[in-house]
Amino acid sequence: MMDSTQGIKTGLIGFGIAGQVFHAPVIKAVPGLTLSKVRSHKVEQLEILAKKYAEATPVATVAEILDDEAIELVVIATSNDMHFPLTKEALLAGKHVVVEKPFTNTSAEADELIALAKAQGKLLTVHHNARWNSDYLTVKRVIQEERVGKLVSFEARYDRFRNTLKENAWREENLPGSGILYDLGAHLIDQSLQLFGFPTAINADLRMQREGAKAVDDFELILHYPELKVSLKGSMLVKEPTPRYNLFGRQGNFTKYGIDPQEGMLRAGYLPHLIEDWGKEDPTIYGKLNILQGESDYITHIESERGNYPAFYSNVAQAIRGEAPLAVTATQARNVIRLIELAEQSWKERRTLDVTNELLAD
């Protein structure tokens, strides 16, 4: 077993927004990992690497990472169309793999990679980092503590406002894995599966609302549970902030506005291990609890849990060393993709679909 004080040498494939914002700075913040090589060839990316990640060697090809025997972990932070082939190539090269979400463009691809990882004896996980968002962690605690009584309805939204299409953006094209259902919806589906387990059915409404849109830019999914309704929504045409989460229970409600601060801090160039209060929300966006206690109304704000993106990579390092089970399994991420596929089928056929036998247990 590797000495836990030794950093696991890590190769990063992809140094666009995902690599620069969500992976490289977080890897750097985790003591158990060392960013060893980064595939990058653009001048501006090389400048960022030299300035912020002097410990990492820039390379021009994927092979320079996969052929390096010292590299144990490969992180794939590319466009969605490359997730499957690059993950397969990395596993065949004998590497552990972290792949950016969404895992793959189809559940069949996901199943193939899961089988390959098992055959190779390698760790395979997907970067569902939204499990460590401050708002989600707070909502999880409110549900576990039954603060609204028996939960009967759960609503979650992931919205943006961009009323024109972004030029030369693959997410805006009619391509497999494009659109906000794969991009933002994947987070909400994963969170819901973690909170409530497998639904019994799904129905969906998927739209292209902006002028010239070629990919889904508005979605609503209803996940059916025996005693619970889960509504997941996202849109590119929401200018006025809506609640991120609404919890409706028999004793009252919990409403959460605001956005986890970590992405904004990462985009601004901050490193998690250098910020003492990393992931701490401003009190102005703490969630509001409004419940009935006895015959009286009780209204208060609940302090948010601290967001913790480094926890994802800390868990990956521990799992590689055999010190902890993997928090985000490939099978869990595969189930997210399968529900997206079923959502697309539901909208195409305009009906509710049974999902009882569609999802897989770890």
Protein backbone atom coordinates (compact mmCIF):
# COMPACT_ATOMS: atom_id res chain seq x y z
CA MET A 1 0.00 0.00 0.00
CA MET A 2 1.27 3.48 -0.83
CA ASP A 3 2.55 5.67 1.99
CA SER A 4 -0.31 8.07 2.77
CA THR A 5 2.17 10.96 2.93
CA GLN A 6 3.13 10.44 -0.71
CA GLY A 7 1.13 12.41 -3.26
CA ILE A 8 -0.52 10.33 -5.97
CA LYS A 9 0.85 11.61 -9.26
CA THR A 10 -2.04 12.88 -11.35
CA GLY A 11 -2.36 13.70 -15.03
CA LEU A 12 -5.01 16.19 -16.18
CA ILE A 13 -6.38 15.92 -19.73
CA GLY A 14 -8.19 19.13 -20.59
CA PHE A 15 -7.28 22.58 -19.30
CA GLY A 16 -10.24 24.65 -20.42
CA ILE A 17 -12.77 26.04 -17.94
CA ALA A 18 -13.41 22.66 -16.30
CA GLY A 19 -9.72 21.87 -15.88
CA GLN A 20 -8.73 25.36 -14.74
CA VAL A 21 -11.68 26.02 -12.42
CA PHE A 22 -12.92 22.72 -11.02
CA HIS A 23 -9.97 20.34 -11.16
CA ALA A 24 -6.45 21.80 -11.07
CA PRO A 25 -6.94 24.14 -8.05
CA VAL A 26 -8.79 21.48 -6.07
CA ILE A 27 -6.20 18.80 -6.84
CA LYS A 28 -3.53 21.25 -5.69
CA ALA A 29 -5.45 21.74 -2.42
CA VAL A 30 -5.50 18.02 -1.53
CA PRO A 31 -2.33 16.79 0.24
CA GLY A 32 -2.71 13.23 -1.08
CA LEU A 33 -2.44 14.27 -4.74
CA THR A 34 0.23 15.86 -6.92
CA LEU A 35 -0.62 17.49 -10.23
CA SER A 36 2.17 16.03 -12.34
CA LYS A 37 1.27 16.60 -16.01
CA VAL A 38 -1.36 18.64 -17.83
CA ARG A 39 -2.24 18.28 -21.49
CA SER A 40 -2.28 21.82 -22.79
CA HIS A 41 -1.06 23.57 -25.90
CA LYS A 42 -2.77 26.98 -26.01
CA VAL A 43 -0.51 29.90 -25.14
CA GLU A 44 -2.86 31.37 -22.55
CA GLN A 45 -3.25 27.99 -20.85
CA LEU A 46 0.51 27.46 -20.73
CA GLU A 47 0.90 30.86 -19.09
CA ILE A 48 -1.62 29.94 -16.38
CA LEU A 49 0.13 26.61 -15.81
CA ALA A 50 3.53 28.25 -15.44
CA LYS A 51 2.17 30.86 -13.02
CA LYS A 52 -0.08 28.74 -10.80
CA TYR A 53 1.07 25.14 -11.22
CA ALA A 54 4.83 25.17 -11.56
CA GLU A 55 4.90 21.60 -10.25
CA ALA A 56 3.02 20.37 -13.33
CA THR A 57 4.65 19.62 -16.67
CA PRO A 58 2.65 20.74 -19.72
CA VAL A 59 2.42 18.10 -22.45
CA ALA A 60 1.02 18.23 -25.96
CA THR A 61 -0.43 14.72 -26.24
CA VAL A 62 -2.58 12.32 -24.24
CA ALA A 63 0.05 9.62 -24.74
CA GLU A 64 2.59 11.59 -22.72
CA ILE A 65 0.30 11.17 -19.73
CA LEU A 66 -0.94 7.63 -20.34
CA ASP A 67 2.53 6.26 -21.10
CA ASP A 68 4.01 7.73 -17.92
CA GLU A 69 4.25 4.85 -15.44
CA ALA A 70 4.62 7.25 -12.51
CA ILE A 71 1.15 8.68 -13.09
CA GLU A 72 -1.48 6.66 -11.24
CA LEU A 73 -4.54 8.86 -11.64
CA VAL A 74 -5.85 10.46 -14.82
CA VAL A 75 -8.48 13.22 -14.76
CA ILE A 76 -10.51 13.78 -17.91
CA ALA A 77 -11.92 17.30 -18.15
CA THR A 78 -12.72 17.50 -21.85
CA SER A 79 -15.88 18.03 -23.89
CA ASN A 80 -18.53 15.35 -23.35
CA ASP A 81 -17.89 13.60 -26.65
CA MET A 82 -14.39 12.64 -25.48
CA HIS A 83 -15.34 11.27 -22.04
CA PHE A 84 -15.94 7.72 -23.25
CA PRO A 85 -12.95 7.20 -25.59
CA LEU A 86 -10.43 8.88 -23.28
CA THR A 87 -11.69 7.07 -20.18
CA LYS A 88 -11.47 3.77 -22.02
CA GLU A 89 -7.96 4.56 -23.20
CA ALA A 90 -6.84 5.56 -19.69
CA LEU A 91 -8.26 2.40 -18.11
CA LEU A 92 -6.57 0.24 -20.73
CA ALA A 93 -3.33 2.05 -19.87
CA GLY A 94 -3.73 0.87 -16.28
CA LYS A 95 -4.73 4.20 -14.72
CA HIS A 96 -7.32 5.11 -12.12
CA VAL A 97 -9.74 7.62 -13.69
CA VAL A 98 -11.78 10.64 -12.67
CA VAL A 99 -14.01 11.82 -15.51
CA GLU A 100 -15.94 15.08 -15.54
CA LYS A 101 -19.72 14.79 -15.42
CA PRO A 102 -21.81 13.84 -17.28
CA PHE A 103 -20.12 10.44 -17.16
CA THR A 104 -20.87 9.44 -20.77
CA ASN A 105 -23.41 10.29 -23.45
CA THR A 106 -25.20 6.92 -23.15
CA SER A 107 -25.76 4.35 -20.43
CA ALA A 108 -24.41 1.65 -22.76
CA GLU A 109 -21.06 3.49 -22.85
CA ALA A 110 -21.16 3.81 -19.07
CA ASP A 111 -21.81 0.08 -18.66
CA GLU A 112 -18.85 -0.72 -20.92
CA LEU A 113 -16.50 1.49 -18.90
CA ILE A 114 -17.71 0.07 -15.58
CA ALA A 115 -17.02 -3.46 -16.80
CA LEU A 116 -13.60 -2.43 -18.10
CA ALA A 117 -12.61 -0.76 -14.82
CA LYS A 118 -13.58 -3.90 -12.95
CA ALA A 119 -11.57 -6.08 -15.34
CA GLN A 120 -8.56 -3.79 -15.01
CA GLY A 121 -8.88 -3.56 -11.22
CA LYS A 122 -8.87 0.24 -11.38
CA LEU A 123 -10.87 2.94 -9.68
CA LEU A 124 -13.36 4.80 -11.87
CA THR A 125 -15.34 7.75 -10.59
CA VAL A 126 -17.23 10.78 -11.93
CA HIS A 127 -16.87 14.37 -10.81
CA HIS A 128 -20.29 14.93 -9.25
CA ASN A 129 -18.86 17.70 -7.10
CA ALA A 130 -22.28 19.29 -6.45
CA ARG A 131 -22.70 16.77 -3.62
CA TRP A 132 -20.33 19.09 -1.74
CA ASN A 133 -22.22 22.33 -2.46
CA SER A 134 -23.14 24.31 0.63
CA ASP A 135 -26.81 24.56 -0.33
CA TYR A 136 -27.18 20.85 -1.04
CA LEU A 137 -25.42 19.86 2.19
CA THR A 138 -27.78 22.18 4.10
CA VAL A 139 -30.87 20.76 2.42
CA LYS A 140 -29.62 17.24 3.15
CA ARG A 141 -29.33 18.10 6.86
CA VAL A 142 -32.79 19.71 6.95
CA ILE A 143 -34.30 16.56 5.42
CA GLN A 144 -32.40 14.20 7.71
CA GLU A 145 -33.51 16.19 10.77
CA GLU A 146 -37.13 16.26 9.49
CA ARG A 147 -37.31 19.99 10.10
CA VAL A 148 -40.42 20.36 7.90
CA GLY A 149 -42.05 17.18 9.17
CA LYS A 150 -42.77 14.45 6.67
CA LEU A 151 -41.47 15.65 3.30
CA VAL A 152 -44.09 15.41 0.55
CA SER A 153 -42.64 17.58 -2.23
CA PHE A 154 -39.09 18.55 -3.18
CA GLU A 155 -38.18 21.14 -5.81
CA ALA A 156 -34.70 21.97 -7.07
CA ARG A 157 -33.62 24.39 -9.79
CA TYR A 158 -30.39 25.12 -11.65
CA ASP A 159 -30.86 28.26 -13.72
CA ARG A 160 -28.84 30.64 -15.87
CA PHE A 161 -29.64 33.72 -17.92
CA ARG A 162 -28.15 33.83 -21.39
CA ASN A 163 -30.78 34.74 -23.94
CA THR A 164 -28.47 34.43 -26.95
CA LEU A 165 -26.50 31.40 -28.05
CA LYS A 166 -22.82 31.25 -27.21
CA GLU A 167 -20.71 31.16 -30.36
CA ASN A 168 -18.59 28.09 -31.09
CA ALA A 169 -19.87 26.29 -28.01
CA TRP A 170 -20.42 22.55 -28.42
CA ARG A 171 -23.02 22.57 -25.62
CA GLU A 172 -25.23 24.73 -27.87
CA GLU A 173 -25.11 22.32 -30.82
CA ASN A 174 -27.36 19.36 -31.61
CA LEU A 175 -24.80 16.82 -30.42
CA PRO A 176 -24.91 13.85 -28.05
CA GLY A 177 -24.49 15.10 -24.49
CA SER A 178 -25.17 18.75 -25.30
CA GLY A 179 -27.74 21.03 -23.67
CA ILE A 180 -28.40 21.88 -20.05
CA LEU A 181 -30.11 18.60 -19.14
CA TYR A 182 -26.74 16.85 -19.40
CA ASP A 183 -24.84 19.84 -18.02
CA LEU A 184 -26.94 21.12 -15.11
CA GLY A 185 -29.64 18.46 -14.87
CA ALA A 186 -27.03 15.79 -14.17
CA HIS A 187 -26.21 17.52 -10.88
CA LEU A 188 -29.84 17.68 -9.76
CA ILE A 189 -30.54 14.07 -10.71
CA ASP A 190 -27.46 12.86 -8.83
CA GLN A 191 -28.42 14.85 -5.74
CA SER A 192 -31.97 13.49 -5.82
CA LEU A 193 -30.77 9.90 -6.09
CA GLN A 194 -28.52 10.49 -3.10
CA LEU A 195 -31.32 12.01 -1.05
CA PHE A 196 -34.20 9.71 -1.94
CA GLY A 197 -32.91 6.61 -3.71
CA PHE A 198 -34.43 5.21 -6.89
CA PRO A 199 -37.72 6.66 -8.17
CA THR A 200 -40.44 4.43 -9.55
CA ALA A 201 -41.24 6.57 -12.60
CA ILE A 202 -40.23 9.67 -14.53
CA ASN A 203 -41.84 12.17 -16.84
CA ALA A 204 -40.18 15.10 -18.53
CA ASP A 205 -40.72 18.34 -20.42
CA LEU A 206 -37.73 19.36 -22.54
CA ARG A 207 -37.67 22.58 -24.56
CA MET A 208 -35.52 24.67 -26.85
CA GLN A 209 -36.74 28.19 -26.08
CA ARG A 210 -34.09 30.62 -27.26
CA GLU A 211 -34.02 31.85 -30.83
CA GLY A 212 -31.98 29.44 -32.95
CA ALA A 213 -31.55 26.93 -30.13
CA LYS A 214 -30.42 23.45 -31.24
CA ALA A 215 -30.04 21.84 -27.81
CA VAL A 216 -32.28 21.65 -24.75
CA ASP A 217 -32.18 24.92 -22.82
CA ASP A 218 -35.16 24.34 -20.53
CA PHE A 219 -36.11 21.17 -18.68
CA GLU A 220 -38.49 19.92 -16.04
CA LEU A 221 -38.30 16.39 -14.68
CA ILE A 222 -40.77 14.82 -12.28
CA LEU A 223 -39.40 11.85 -10.34
CA HIS A 224 -42.12 9.74 -8.76
CA TYR A 225 -41.74 8.15 -5.32
CA PRO A 226 -44.46 6.35 -3.34
CA GLU A 227 -45.04 9.28 -0.96
CA LEU A 228 -42.93 12.03 -2.50
CA LYS A 229 -42.92 14.24 -5.61
CA VAL A 230 -39.51 15.44 -6.82
CA SER A 231 -39.43 18.27 -9.36
CA LEU A 232 -36.13 19.20 -11.04
CA LYS A 233 -35.96 22.23 -13.29
CA GLY A 234 -33.42 24.26 -15.24
CA SER A 235 -33.55 27.08 -17.76
CA MET A 236 -31.30 29.48 -19.64
CA LEU A 237 -33.92 32.24 -19.47
CA VAL A 238 -34.18 32.93 -15.75
CA LYS A 239 -33.07 36.48 -14.93
CA GLU A 240 -34.82 36.97 -11.60
CA PRO A 241 -33.36 34.53 -9.03
CA THR A 242 -35.65 31.68 -8.05
CA PRO A 243 -35.26 29.40 -5.01
CA ARG A 244 -32.53 26.81 -5.51
CA TYR A 245 -34.48 24.44 -3.30
CA ASN A 246 -38.02 24.29 -1.94
CA LEU A 247 -38.94 21.66 0.63
CA PHE A 248 -42.62 21.15 1.43
CA GLY A 249 -43.54 19.07 4.46
CA ARG A 250 -46.55 18.46 6.66
CA GLN A 251 -45.23 20.92 9.25
CA GLY A 252 -44.12 23.65 6.84
CA ASN A 253 -41.50 24.68 4.33
CA PHE A 254 -37.80 25.30 3.87
CA THR A 255 -36.69 27.65 1.07
CA LYS A 256 -33.10 28.16 -0.04
CA TYR A 257 -31.94 30.96 -2.33
CA GLY A 258 -28.41 31.77 -3.38
CA ILE A 259 -25.47 29.93 -4.91
CA ASP A 260 -22.70 27.97 -3.26
CA PRO A 261 -19.67 30.34 -3.23
CA GLN A 262 -17.01 27.84 -4.30
CA GLU A 263 -17.33 28.14 -8.07
CA GLY A 264 -17.14 31.92 -7.90
CA MET A 265 -14.03 31.76 -5.72
CA LEU A 266 -12.37 29.22 -8.02
CA ARG A 267 -13.15 31.34 -11.08
CA ALA A 268 -11.61 34.32 -9.30
CA GLY A 269 -8.39 32.33 -8.89
CA TYR A 270 -8.54 31.45 -5.19
CA LEU A 271 -7.12 28.14 -3.96
CA PRO A 272 -9.19 26.21 -1.39
CA HIS A 273 -6.30 25.32 0.93
CA LEU A 274 -5.29 28.98 1.25
CA ILE A 275 -8.71 30.29 2.33
CA GLU A 276 -9.58 29.78 5.99
CA ASP A 277 -13.36 30.03 5.58
CA TRP A 278 -13.51 28.21 2.23
CA GLY A 279 -17.06 27.26 1.21
CA LYS A 280 -18.76 29.43 3.84
CA GLU A 281 -21.93 31.15 2.66
CA ASP A 282 -22.84 34.74 3.36
CA PRO A 283 -25.56 34.81 6.06
CA THR A 284 -27.79 36.85 3.73
CA ILE A 285 -28.53 33.70 1.70
CA TYR A 286 -29.14 31.27 4.56
CA GLY A 287 -32.28 29.21 3.97
CA LYS A 288 -35.60 30.13 5.58
CA LEU A 289 -37.54 27.65 7.69
CA ASN A 290 -41.24 28.40 8.16
CA ILE A 291 -43.10 25.73 10.13
CA LEU A 292 -45.99 25.26 12.49
CA GLN A 293 -45.04 24.36 16.06
CA GLY A 294 -48.11 23.46 18.05
CA GLU A 295 -50.51 26.23 17.15
CA SER A 296 -47.87 28.87 16.47
CA ASP A 297 -45.78 29.81 13.46
CA TYR A 298 -42.03 29.39 13.85
CA ILE A 299 -39.83 31.23 11.35
CA THR A 300 -36.04 31.20 11.38
CA HIS A 301 -33.01 31.05 9.11
CA ILE A 302 -30.77 27.99 9.18
CA GLU A 303 -27.03 28.50 8.96
CA SER A 304 -25.69 26.81 5.84
CA GLU A 305 -23.22 23.98 5.87
CA ARG A 306 -19.83 24.84 4.41
CA GLY A 307 -19.18 23.73 0.86
CA ASN A 308 -16.23 21.41 0.43
CA TYR A 309 -15.13 20.57 -3.12
CA PRO A 310 -11.74 19.24 -1.91
CA ALA A 311 -13.62 16.43 -0.14
CA PHE A 312 -14.27 14.79 -3.52
CA TYR A 313 -10.58 14.50 -4.35
CA SER A 314 -9.61 13.64 -0.77
CA ASN A 315 -11.96 10.69 -1.05
CA VAL A 316 -10.45 9.67 -4.39
CA ALA A 317 -6.97 9.65 -2.87
CA GLN A 318 -8.17 7.62 0.13
CA ALA A 319 -10.00 5.15 -2.12
CA ILE A 320 -6.92 4.59 -4.27
CA ARG A 321 -4.94 3.80 -1.11
CA GLY A 322 -7.68 1.48 0.15
CA GLU A 323 -8.42 3.72 3.14
CA ALA A 324 -12.07 4.55 2.31
CA PRO A 325 -14.86 3.43 0.00
CA LEU A 326 -15.43 5.53 -3.10
CA ALA A 327 -18.01 8.26 -2.47
CA VAL A 328 -19.12 8.67 -6.10
CA THR A 329 -19.26 5.31 -7.82
CA ALA A 330 -19.38 4.85 -11.57
CA THR A 331 -22.64 2.92 -11.19
CA GLN A 332 -24.25 5.89 -9.45
CA ALA A 333 -23.13 8.15 -12.30
CA ARG A 334 -24.39 5.61 -14.83
CA ASN A 335 -27.85 5.82 -13.25
CA VAL A 336 -27.85 9.58 -13.82
CA ILE A 337 -27.23 9.01 -17.53
CA ARG A 338 -29.94 6.37 -17.72
CA LEU A 339 -32.48 8.75 -16.17
CA ILE A 340 -31.49 11.43 -18.70
CA GLU A 341 -32.10 8.94 -21.50
CA LEU A 342 -35.49 8.06 -20.03
CA ALA A 343 -36.33 11.75 -19.66
CA GLU A 344 -35.65 12.22 -23.38
CA GLN A 345 -37.83 9.20 -24.18
CA SER A 346 -40.59 10.46 -21.89
CA TRP A 347 -40.71 13.83 -23.66
CA LYS A 348 -40.55 12.27 -27.12
CA GLU A 349 -43.42 9.91 -26.33
CA ARG A 350 -45.30 12.40 -24.10
CA ARG A 351 -45.80 9.89 -21.31
CA THR A 352 -44.66 8.81 -17.86
CA LEU A 353 -42.18 5.94 -17.91
CA ASP A 354 -41.68 3.22 -15.31
CA VAL A 355 -38.03 3.12 -14.22
CA THR A 356 -38.23 0.24 -11.72
CA ASN A 357 -35.82 -2.02 -13.61
CA GLU A 358 -33.70 0.67 -15.26
CA LEU A 359 -31.34 1.61 -12.42
CA LEU A 360 -28.52 -0.47 -10.96
CA ALA A 361 -27.42 -0.90 -7.36
CA ASP A 362 -23.71 -0.76 -6.53
